[in-house]
Amino acid sequence: MSTLHVLSHSPFGDDRLSSCLRVIGANDALLLSGDAAYALQPGTAPFSALNDRSLALYVLAEDAQARAIEIPDWAKAIEYPAFVELSIHHDKVNSWL
């Protein structure tokens, strides 16, 4: 059983990202949306935490673009239709509210 984990809050305001990384499984995926895209800022602790993991990592392209975040090679930028596809592909979706 796989889960799509969706984060939308800044990784600098609370510990949602670290909590998510503690429970994410090998078949799961992580989607960064909204202010969660700031986790991809090079030189930050969230960037290092994500880079050190081998996980399926996605970011909504328009959210990264709106925040002038360059997407690293180990993450995949997607649009909303691909977000829907990811939601369908996984057994469940967990939004970290």
PDB file of N, CA and C in Angstrom:
ATOM      1  N   MET A   1       0.845  -1.172   0.000  1.00  0.00           N
ATOM      2  CA  MET A   1       0.000   0.000   0.000  1.00  0.00           C
ATOM      3  C   MET A   1       0.893   1.239   0.000  1.00  0.00           C
ATOM      4  N   SER A   2       0.595   2.180  -0.875  1.00  0.00           N
ATOM      5  CA  SER A   2       1.419   3.385  -0.989  1.00  0.00           C
ATOM      6  C   SER A   2       0.605   4.624  -0.665  1.00  0.00           C
ATOM      7  N   THR A   3       1.321   5.645  -0.211  1.00  0.00           N
ATOM      8  CA  THR A   3       0.695   6.906   0.178  1.00  0.00           C
ATOM      9  C   THR A   3       1.388   8.061  -0.524  1.00  0.00           C
ATOM     10  N   LEU A   4       0.592   8.997  -1.001  1.00  0.00           N
ATOM     11  CA  LEU A   4       1.107  10.269  -1.488  1.00  0.00           C
ATOM     12  C   LEU A   4       0.997  11.249  -0.332  1.00  0.00           C
ATOM     13  N   HIS A   5       2.129  11.734   0.142  1.00  0.00           N
ATOM     14  CA  HIS A   5       2.162  12.714   1.221  1.00  0.00           C
ATOM     15  C   HIS A   5       2.218  14.100   0.588  1.00  0.00           C
ATOM     16  N   VAL A   6       1.325  14.983   1.005  1.00  0.00           N
ATOM     17  CA  VAL A   6       1.243  16.327   0.432  1.00  0.00           C
ATOM     18  C   VAL A   6       1.528  17.352   1.532  1.00  0.00           C
ATOM     19  N   LEU A   7       2.578  18.127   1.316  1.00  0.00           N
ATOM     20  CA  LEU A   7       2.939  19.195   2.241  1.00  0.00           C
ATOM     21  C   LEU A   7       2.721  20.533   1.557  1.00  0.00           C
ATOM     22  N   SER A   8       2.139  21.484   2.277  1.00  0.00           N
ATOM     23  CA  SER A   8       1.919  22.804   1.690  1.00  0.00           C
ATOM     24  C   SER A   8       2.414  23.935   2.581  1.00  0.00           C
ATOM     25  N   HIS A   9       2.907  23.622   3.768  1.00  0.00           N
ATOM     26  CA  HIS A   9       3.379  24.655   4.697  1.00  0.00           C
ATOM     27  C   HIS A   9       4.902  24.770   4.644  1.00  0.00           C
ATOM     28  N   SER A  10       5.408  25.955   4.926  1.00  0.00           N
ATOM     29  CA  SER A  10       6.846  26.190   4.938  1.00  0.00           C
ATOM     30  C   SER A  10       7.545  25.234   5.908  1.00  0.00           C
ATOM     31  N   PRO A  11       8.667  24.668   5.507  1.00  0.00           N
ATOM     32  CA  PRO A  11       9.398  23.772   6.401  1.00  0.00           C
ATOM     33  C   PRO A  11      10.122  24.532   7.514  1.00  0.00           C
ATOM     34  N   PHE A  12      10.077  25.858   7.474  1.00  0.00           N
ATOM     35  CA  PHE A  12      10.778  26.661   8.470  1.00  0.00           C
ATOM     36  C   PHE A  12       9.862  27.124   9.599  1.00  0.00           C
ATOM     37  N   GLY A  13       8.567  26.814   9.507  1.00  0.00           N
ATOM     38  CA  GLY A  13       7.621  27.275  10.510  1.00  0.00           C
ATOM     39  C   GLY A  13       7.223  26.218  11.519  1.00  0.00           C
ATOM     40  N   ASP A  14       7.393  24.940  11.170  1.00  0.00           N
ATOM     41  CA  ASP A  14       7.008  23.861  12.075  1.00  0.00           C
ATOM     42  C   ASP A  14       7.765  22.593  11.676  1.00  0.00           C
ATOM     43  N   ASP A  15       7.364  21.469  12.241  1.00  0.00           N
ATOM     44  CA  ASP A  15       8.103  20.227  11.981  1.00  0.00           C
ATOM     45  C   ASP A  15       7.339  19.217  11.121  1.00  0.00           C
ATOM     46  N   ARG A  16       6.410  19.700  10.303  1.00  0.00           N
ATOM     47  CA  ARG A  16       5.634  18.778   9.451  1.00  0.00           C
ATOM     48  C   ARG A  16       6.537  17.969   8.523  1.00  0.00           C
ATOM     49  N   LEU A  17       7.524  18.629   7.914  1.00  0.00           N
ATOM     50  CA  LEU A  17       8.399  17.916   6.981  1.00  0.00           C
ATOM     51  C   LEU A  17       9.179  16.819   7.699  1.00  0.00           C
ATOM     52  N   SER A  18       9.762  17.126   8.830  1.00  0.00           N
ATOM     53  CA  SER A  18      10.537  16.103   9.550  1.00  0.00           C
ATOM     54  C   SER A  18       9.624  14.974  10.033  1.00  0.00           C
ATOM     55  N   SER A  19       8.408  15.309  10.460  1.00  0.00           N
ATOM     56  CA  SER A  19       7.455  14.270  10.868  1.00  0.00           C
ATOM     57  C   SER A  19       7.095  13.375   9.684  1.00  0.00           C
ATOM     58  N   CYS A  20       6.878  13.988   8.538  1.00  0.00           N
ATOM     59  CA  CYS A  20       6.562  13.235   7.328  1.00  0.00           C
ATOM     60  C   CYS A  20       7.709  12.302   6.954  1.00  0.00           C
ATOM     61  N   LEU A  21       8.931  12.819   7.007  1.00  0.00           N
ATOM     62  CA  LEU A  21      10.089  12.011   6.626  1.00  0.00           C
ATOM     63  C   LEU A  21      10.311  10.840   7.578  1.00  0.00           C
ATOM     64  N   ARG A  22       9.845  10.959   8.805  1.00  0.00           N
ATOM     65  CA  ARG A  22       9.968   9.850   9.757  1.00  0.00           C
ATOM     66  C   ARG A  22       9.033   8.690   9.405  1.00  0.00           C
ATOM     67  N   VAL A  23       7.896   8.983   8.787  1.00  0.00           N
ATOM     68  CA  VAL A  23       6.910   7.925   8.539  1.00  0.00           C
ATOM     69  C   VAL A  23       6.785   7.512   7.070  1.00  0.00           C
ATOM     70  N   ILE A  24       7.416   8.236   6.178  1.00  0.00           N
ATOM     71  CA  ILE A  24       7.257   7.941   4.749  1.00  0.00           C
ATOM     72  C   ILE A  24       7.862   6.575   4.423  1.00  0.00           C
ATOM     73  N   GLY A  25       7.115   5.799   3.659  1.00  0.00           N
ATOM     74  CA  GLY A  25       7.543   4.450   3.304  1.00  0.00           C
ATOM     75  C   GLY A  25       8.266   4.384   1.967  1.00  0.00           C
ATOM     76  N   ALA A  26       8.833   3.245   1.703  1.00  0.00           N
ATOM     77  CA  ALA A  26       9.624   3.041   0.484  1.00  0.00           C
ATOM     78  C   ALA A  26       8.786   3.195  -0.787  1.00  0.00           C
ATOM     79  N   ASN A  27       7.500   2.886  -0.737  1.00  0.00           N
ATOM     80  CA  ASN A  27       6.635   2.983  -1.911  1.00  0.00           C
ATOM     81  C   ASN A  27       5.848   4.285  -1.965  1.00  0.00           C
ATOM     82  N   ASP A  28       6.085   5.164  -0.992  1.00  0.00           N
ATOM     83  CA  ASP A  28       5.357   6.423  -0.902  1.00  0.00           C
ATOM     84  C   ASP A  28       6.013   7.499  -1.762  1.00  0.00           C
ATOM     85  N   ALA A  29       5.312   8.601  -1.916  1.00  0.00           N
ATOM     86  CA  ALA A  29       5.840   9.765  -2.630  1.00  0.00           C
ATOM     87  C   ALA A  29       5.519  11.011  -1.811  1.00  0.00           C
ATOM     88  N   LEU A  30       6.285  12.064  -2.055  1.00  0.00           N
ATOM     89  CA  LEU A  30       6.093  13.333  -1.364  1.00  0.00           C
ATOM     90  C   LEU A  30       5.898  14.430  -2.403  1.00  0.00           C
ATOM     91  N   LEU A  31       4.830  15.196  -2.228  1.00  0.00           N
ATOM     92  CA  LEU A  31       4.555  16.334  -3.107  1.00  0.00           C
ATOM     93  C   LEU A  31       4.636  17.611  -2.293  1.00  0.00           C
ATOM     94  N   LEU A  32       5.486  18.527  -2.729  1.00  0.00           N
ATOM     95  CA  LEU A  32       5.609  19.840  -2.105  1.00  0.00           C
ATOM     96  C   LEU A  32       4.761  20.825  -2.899  1.00  0.00           C
ATOM     97  N   SER A  33       3.888  21.522  -2.191  1.00  0.00           N
ATOM     98  CA  SER A  33       3.068  22.545  -2.831  1.00  0.00           C
ATOM     99  C   SER A  33       3.093  23.788  -1.962  1.00  0.00           C
ATOM    100  N   GLY A  34       2.663  24.899  -2.520  1.00  0.00           N
ATOM    101  CA  GLY A  34       2.635  26.144  -1.754  1.00  0.00           C
ATOM    102  C   GLY A  34       3.989  26.467  -1.153  1.00  0.00           C
ATOM    103  N   ASP A  35       3.986  26.919   0.104  1.00  0.00           N
ATOM    104  CA  ASP A  35       5.226  27.307   0.767  1.00  0.00           C
ATOM    105  C   ASP A  35       6.150  26.140   1.079  1.00  0.00           C
ATOM    106  N   ALA A  36       5.670  24.918   0.965  1.00  0.00           N
ATOM    107  CA  ALA A  36       6.538  23.761   1.170  1.00  0.00           C
ATOM    108  C   ALA A  36       7.637  23.701   0.109  1.00  0.00           C
ATOM    109  N   ALA A  37       7.442  24.390  -1.018  1.00  0.00           N
ATOM    110  CA  ALA A  37       8.475  24.440  -2.063  1.00  0.00           C
ATOM    111  C   ALA A  37       9.768  25.055  -1.538  1.00  0.00           C
ATOM    112  N   TYR A  38       9.682  25.857  -0.472  1.00  0.00           N
ATOM    113  CA  TYR A  38      10.886  26.447   0.122  1.00  0.00           C
ATOM    114  C   TYR A  38      11.846  25.391   0.662  1.00  0.00           C
ATOM    115  N   ALA A  39      11.383  24.172   0.840  1.00  0.00           N
ATOM    116  CA  ALA A  39      12.259  23.087   1.279  1.00  0.00           C
ATOM    117  C   ALA A  39      13.354  22.794   0.257  1.00  0.00           C
ATOM    118  N   LEU A  40      13.172  23.269  -0.971  1.00  0.00           N
ATOM    119  CA  LEU A  40      14.153  23.017  -2.032  1.00  0.00           C
ATOM    120  C   LEU A  40      15.184  24.137  -2.172  1.00  0.00           C
ATOM    121  N   GLN A  41      15.255  25.022  -1.177  1.00  0.00           N
ATOM    122  CA  GLN A  41      16.283  26.065  -1.200  1.00  0.00           C
ATOM    123  C   GLN A  41      17.628  25.445  -0.816  1.00  0.00           C
ATOM    124  N   PRO A  42      18.610  25.482  -1.716  1.00  0.00           N
ATOM    125  CA  PRO A  42      19.921  24.901  -1.409  1.00  0.00           C
ATOM    126  C   PRO A  42      20.540  25.530  -0.161  1.00  0.00           C
ATOM    127  N   GLY A  43      21.281  24.692   0.564  1.00  0.00           N
ATOM    128  CA  GLY A  43      21.986  25.171   1.738  1.00  0.00           C
ATOM    129  C   GLY A  43      21.153  25.189   3.012  1.00  0.00           C
ATOM    130  N   THR A  44      19.914  24.716   2.937  1.00  0.00           N
ATOM    131  CA  THR A  44      19.059  24.706   4.120  1.00  0.00           C
ATOM    132  C   THR A  44      18.954  23.278   4.672  1.00  0.00           C
ATOM    133  N   ALA A  45      18.548  23.165   5.926  1.00  0.00           N
ATOM    134  CA  ALA A  45      18.369  21.845   6.541  1.00  0.00           C
ATOM    135  C   ALA A  45      17.297  21.020   5.823  1.00  0.00           C
ATOM    136  N   PRO A  46      16.143  21.619   5.446  1.00  0.00           N
ATOM    137  CA  PRO A  46      15.156  20.817   4.710  1.00  0.00           C
ATOM    138  C   PRO A  46      15.694  20.289   3.374  1.00  0.00           C
ATOM    139  N   PHE A  47      16.455  21.121   2.659  1.00  0.00           N
ATOM    140  CA  PHE A  47      17.054  20.702   1.391  1.00  0.00           C
ATOM    141  C   PHE A  47      17.952  19.492   1.625  1.00  0.00           C
ATOM    142  N   SER A  48      18.804  19.565   2.641  1.00  0.00           N
ATOM    143  CA  SER A  48      19.714  18.455   2.949  1.00  0.00           C
ATOM    144  C   SER A  48      18.956  17.205   3.337  1.00  0.00           C
ATOM    145  N   ALA A  49      17.904  17.369   4.150  1.00  0.00           N
ATOM    146  CA  ALA A  49      17.114  16.217   4.575  1.00  0.00           C
ATOM    147  C   ALA A  49      16.466  15.516   3.390  1.00  0.00           C
ATOM    148  N   LEU A  50      15.981  16.288   2.427  1.00  0.00           N
ATOM    149  CA  LEU A  50      15.357  15.700   1.243  1.00  0.00           C
ATOM    150  C   LEU A  50      16.398  15.098   0.307  1.00  0.00           C
ATOM    151  N   ASN A  51      17.517  15.763   0.161  1.00  0.00           N
ATOM    152  CA  ASN A  51      18.571  15.296  -0.729  1.00  0.00           C
ATOM    153  C   ASN A  51      19.187  13.996  -0.229  1.00  0.00           C
ATOM    154  N   ASP A  52      19.238  13.822   1.084  1.00  0.00           N
ATOM    155  CA  ASP A  52      19.836  12.626   1.671  1.00  0.00           C
ATOM    156  C   ASP A  52      18.947  11.391   1.559  1.00  0.00           C
ATOM    157  N   ARG A  53      17.692  11.585   1.207  1.00  0.00           N
ATOM    158  CA  ARG A  53      16.737  10.485   1.107  1.00  0.00           C
ATOM    159  C   ARG A  53      16.562  10.083  -0.347  1.00  0.00           C
ATOM    160  N   SER A  54      16.336   8.813  -0.557  1.00  0.00           N
ATOM    161  CA  SER A  54      15.983   8.386  -1.912  1.00  0.00           C
ATOM    162  C   SER A  54      14.474   8.148  -1.905  1.00  0.00           C
ATOM    163  N   LEU A  55      13.747   9.174  -2.294  1.00  0.00           N
ATOM    164  CA  LEU A  55      12.301   9.078  -2.318  1.00  0.00           C
ATOM    165  C   LEU A  55      11.766   9.744  -3.563  1.00  0.00           C
ATOM    166  N   ALA A  56      10.558   9.379  -3.908  1.00  0.00           N
ATOM    167  CA  ALA A  56       9.886   9.994  -5.050  1.00  0.00           C
ATOM    168  C   ALA A  56       9.404  11.374  -4.596  1.00  0.00           C
ATOM    169  N   LEU A  57      10.072  12.406  -5.075  1.00  0.00           N
ATOM    170  CA  LEU A  57       9.792  13.772  -4.638  1.00  0.00           C
ATOM    171  C   LEU A  57       9.288  14.599  -5.815  1.00  0.00           C
ATOM    172  N   TYR A  58       8.143  15.250  -5.596  1.00  0.00           N
ATOM    173  CA  TYR A  58       7.529  16.089  -6.610  1.00  0.00           C
ATOM    174  C   TYR A  58       7.276  17.471  -6.024  1.00  0.00           C
ATOM    175  N   VAL A  59       7.245  18.454  -6.900  1.00  0.00           N
ATOM    176  CA  VAL A  59       6.903  19.818  -6.493  1.00  0.00           C
ATOM    177  C   VAL A  59       6.009  20.411  -7.579  1.00  0.00           C
ATOM    178  N   LEU A  60       4.993  21.135  -7.154  1.00  0.00           N
ATOM    179  CA  LEU A  60       4.145  21.805  -8.146  1.00  0.00           C
ATOM    180  C   LEU A  60       4.969  22.910  -8.798  1.00  0.00           C
ATOM    181  N   ALA A  61       5.096  22.831 -10.104  1.00  0.00           N
ATOM    182  CA  ALA A  61       5.954  23.743 -10.857  1.00  0.00           C
ATOM    183  C   ALA A  61       5.580  25.200 -10.629  1.00  0.00           C
ATOM    184  N   GLU A  62       4.295  25.517 -10.634  1.00  0.00           N
ATOM    185  CA  GLU A  62       3.899  26.915 -10.482  1.00  0.00           C
ATOM    186  C   GLU A  62       4.228  27.452  -9.092  1.00  0.00           C
ATOM    187  N   ASP A  63       4.217  26.597  -8.080  1.00  0.00           N
ATOM    188  CA  ASP A  63       4.569  27.045  -6.738  1.00  0.00           C
ATOM    189  C   ASP A  63       6.066  27.305  -6.617  1.00  0.00           C
ATOM    190  N   ALA A  64       6.870  26.451  -7.221  1.00  0.00           N
ATOM    191  CA  ALA A  64       8.316  26.682  -7.226  1.00  0.00           C
ATOM    192  C   ALA A  64       8.646  27.946  -8.020  1.00  0.00           C
ATOM    193  N   GLN A  65       8.008  28.117  -9.159  1.00  0.00           N
ATOM    194  CA  GLN A  65       8.254  29.293  -9.991  1.00  0.00           C
ATOM    195  C   GLN A  65       7.841  30.575  -9.270  1.00  0.00           C
ATOM    196  N   ALA A  66       6.710  30.565  -8.596  1.00  0.00           N
ATOM    197  CA  ALA A  66       6.227  31.750  -7.891  1.00  0.00           C
ATOM    198  C   ALA A  66       7.168  32.161  -6.765  1.00  0.00           C
ATOM    199  N   ARG A  67       7.947  31.200  -6.251  1.00  0.00           N
ATOM    200  CA  ARG A  67       8.865  31.476  -5.150  1.00  0.00           C
ATOM    201  C   ARG A  67      10.319  31.526  -5.610  1.00  0.00           C
ATOM    202  N   ALA A  68      10.521  31.523  -6.926  1.00  0.00           N
ATOM    203  CA  ALA A  68      11.860  31.577  -7.532  1.00  0.00           C
ATOM    204  C   ALA A  68      12.764  30.467  -6.999  1.00  0.00           C
ATOM    205  N   ILE A  69      12.191  29.276  -6.876  1.00  0.00           N
ATOM    206  CA  ILE A  69      12.925  28.103  -6.395  1.00  0.00           C
ATOM    207  C   ILE A  69      13.364  27.284  -7.602  1.00  0.00           C
ATOM    208  N   GLU A  70      14.657  27.046  -7.702  1.00  0.00           N
ATOM    209  CA  GLU A  70      15.175  26.181  -8.758  1.00  0.00           C
ATOM    210  C   GLU A  70      15.018  24.735  -8.311  1.00  0.00           C
ATOM    211  N   ILE A  71      14.482  23.923  -9.174  1.00  0.00           N
ATOM    212  CA  ILE A  71      14.190  22.533  -8.815  1.00  0.00           C
ATOM    213  C   ILE A  71      15.406  21.658  -9.096  1.00  0.00           C
ATOM    214  N   PRO A  72      15.909  20.973  -8.065  1.00  0.00           N
ATOM    215  CA  PRO A  72      17.085  20.119  -8.253  1.00  0.00           C
ATOM    216  C   PRO A  72      16.760  18.898  -9.119  1.00  0.00           C
ATOM    217  N   ASP A  73      17.802  18.263  -9.618  1.00  0.00           N
ATOM    218  CA  ASP A  73      17.642  17.092 -10.490  1.00  0.00           C
ATOM    219  C   ASP A  73      16.910  15.941  -9.814  1.00  0.00           C
ATOM    220  N   TRP A  74      17.012  15.832  -8.513  1.00  0.00           N
ATOM    221  CA  TRP A  74      16.422  14.698  -7.781  1.00  0.00           C
ATOM    222  C   TRP A  74      14.956  14.934  -7.401  1.00  0.00           C
ATOM    223  N   ALA A  75      14.383  16.034  -7.840  1.00  0.00           N
ATOM    224  CA  ALA A  75      12.954  16.303  -7.647  1.00  0.00           C
ATOM    225  C   ALA A  75      12.320  16.506  -9.020  1.00  0.00           C
ATOM    226  N   LYS A  76      11.031  16.256  -9.107  1.00  0.00           N
ATOM    227  CA  LYS A  76      10.354  16.396 -10.398  1.00  0.00           C
ATOM    228  C   LYS A  76       9.271  17.458 -10.301  1.00  0.00           C
ATOM    229  N   ALA A  77       9.333  18.432 -11.197  1.00  0.00           N
ATOM    230  CA  ALA A  77       8.300  19.464 -11.273  1.00  0.00           C
ATOM    231  C   ALA A  77       7.106  18.910 -12.027  1.00  0.00           C
ATOM    232  N   ILE A  78       5.914  19.134 -11.470  1.00  0.00           N
ATOM    233  CA  ILE A  78       4.696  18.652 -12.120  1.00  0.00           C
ATOM    234  C   ILE A  78       3.646  19.753 -12.143  1.00  0.00           C
ATOM    235  N   GLU A  79       2.670  19.580 -12.998  1.00  0.00           N
ATOM    236  CA  GLU A  79       1.513  20.476 -13.086  1.00  0.00           C
ATOM    237  C   GLU A  79       0.327  19.785 -12.397  1.00  0.00           C
ATOM    238  N   TYR A  80      -0.785  20.488 -12.282  1.00  0.00           N
ATOM    239  CA  TYR A  80      -1.948  19.942 -11.582  1.00  0.00           C
ATOM    240  C   TYR A  80      -2.484  18.633 -12.168  1.00  0.00           C
ATOM    241  N   PRO A  81      -2.519  18.451 -13.482  1.00  0.00           N
ATOM    242  CA  PRO A  81      -3.004  17.153 -13.995  1.00  0.00           C
ATOM    243  C   PRO A  81      -2.148  15.971 -13.501  1.00  0.00           C
ATOM    244  N   ALA A  82      -0.845  16.183 -13.389  1.00  0.00           N
ATOM    245  CA  ALA A  82       0.034  15.123 -12.876  1.00  0.00           C
ATOM    246  C   ALA A  82      -0.207  14.893 -11.386  1.00  0.00           C
ATOM    247  N   PHE A  83      -0.572  15.949 -10.657  1.00  0.00           N
ATOM    248  CA  PHE A  83      -0.940  15.818  -9.244  1.00  0.00           C
ATOM    249  C   PHE A  83      -2.152  14.887  -9.118  1.00  0.00           C
ATOM    250  N   VAL A  84      -3.123  15.077  -9.983  1.00  0.00           N
ATOM    251  CA  VAL A  84      -4.308  14.207  -9.972  1.00  0.00           C
ATOM    252  C   VAL A  84      -3.902  12.765 -10.273  1.00  0.00           C
ATOM    253  N   GLU A  85      -3.028  12.578 -11.243  1.00  0.00           N
ATOM    254  CA  GLU A  85      -2.552  11.237 -11.586  1.00  0.00           C
ATOM    255  C   GLU A  85      -1.837  10.582 -10.407  1.00  0.00           C
ATOM    256  N   LEU A  86      -1.002  11.359  -9.702  1.00  0.00           N
ATOM    257  CA  LEU A  86      -0.321  10.825  -8.523  1.00  0.00           C
ATOM    258  C   LEU A  86      -1.334  10.399  -7.462  1.00  0.00           C
ATOM    259  N   SER A  87      -2.359  11.199  -7.281  1.00  0.00           N
ATOM    260  CA  SER A  87      -3.396  10.887  -6.297  1.00  0.00           C
ATOM    261  C   SER A  87      -4.109   9.587  -6.633  1.00  0.00           C
ATOM    262  N   ILE A  88      -4.336   9.364  -7.902  1.00  0.00           N
ATOM    263  CA  ILE A  88      -5.006   8.143  -8.347  1.00  0.00           C
ATOM    264  C   ILE A  88      -4.070   6.939  -8.247  1.00  0.00           C
ATOM    265  N   HIS A  89      -2.793   7.161  -8.547  1.00  0.00           N
ATOM    266  CA  HIS A  89      -1.804   6.085  -8.550  1.00  0.00           C
ATOM    267  C   HIS A  89      -1.572   5.498  -7.153  1.00  0.00           C
ATOM    268  N   HIS A  90      -1.605   6.336  -6.132  1.00  0.00           N
ATOM    269  CA  HIS A  90      -1.348   5.875  -4.762  1.00  0.00           C
ATOM    270  C   HIS A  90      -2.657   5.428  -4.106  1.00  0.00           C
ATOM    271  N   ASP A  91      -2.513   4.509  -3.160  1.00  0.00           N
ATOM    272  CA  ASP A  91      -3.676   3.957  -2.465  1.00  0.00           C
ATOM    273  C   ASP A  91      -4.376   4.998  -1.606  1.00  0.00           C
ATOM    274  N   LYS A  92      -3.611   5.899  -1.024  1.00  0.00           N
ATOM    275  CA  LYS A  92      -4.207   6.970  -0.233  1.00  0.00           C
ATOM    276  C   LYS A  92      -3.361   8.222  -0.304  1.00  0.00           C
ATOM    277  N   VAL A  93      -3.994   9.341   0.074  1.00  0.00           N
ATOM    278  CA  VAL A  93      -3.329  10.645   0.076  1.00  0.00           C
ATOM    279  C   VAL A  93      -3.398  11.179   1.487  1.00  0.00           C
ATOM    280  N   ASN A  94      -2.247  11.610   1.997  1.00  0.00           N
ATOM    281  CA  ASN A  94      -2.174  12.183   3.336  1.00  0.00           C
ATOM    282  C   ASN A  94      -1.717  13.637   3.218  1.00  0.00           C
ATOM    283  N   SER A  95      -2.631  14.558   3.487  1.00  0.00           N
ATOM    284  CA  SER A  95      -2.282  15.978   3.480  1.00  0.00           C
ATOM    285  C   SER A  95      -1.861  16.369   4.885  1.00  0.00           C
ATOM    286  N   TRP A  96      -0.653  16.882   5.000  1.00  0.00           N
ATOM    287  CA  TRP A  96      -0.111  17.272   6.296  1.00  0.00           C
ATOM    288  C   TRP A  96      -0.593  18.694   6.615  1.00  0.00           C
ATOM    289  N   LEU A  97      -1.779  18.787   7.185  1.00  0.00           N
ATOM    290  CA  LEU A  97      -2.389  20.081   7.476  1.00  0.00           C
ATOM    291  C   LEU A  97      -1.874  20.697   8.728  1.00  0.00           C
TER     292      LEU A  97
END
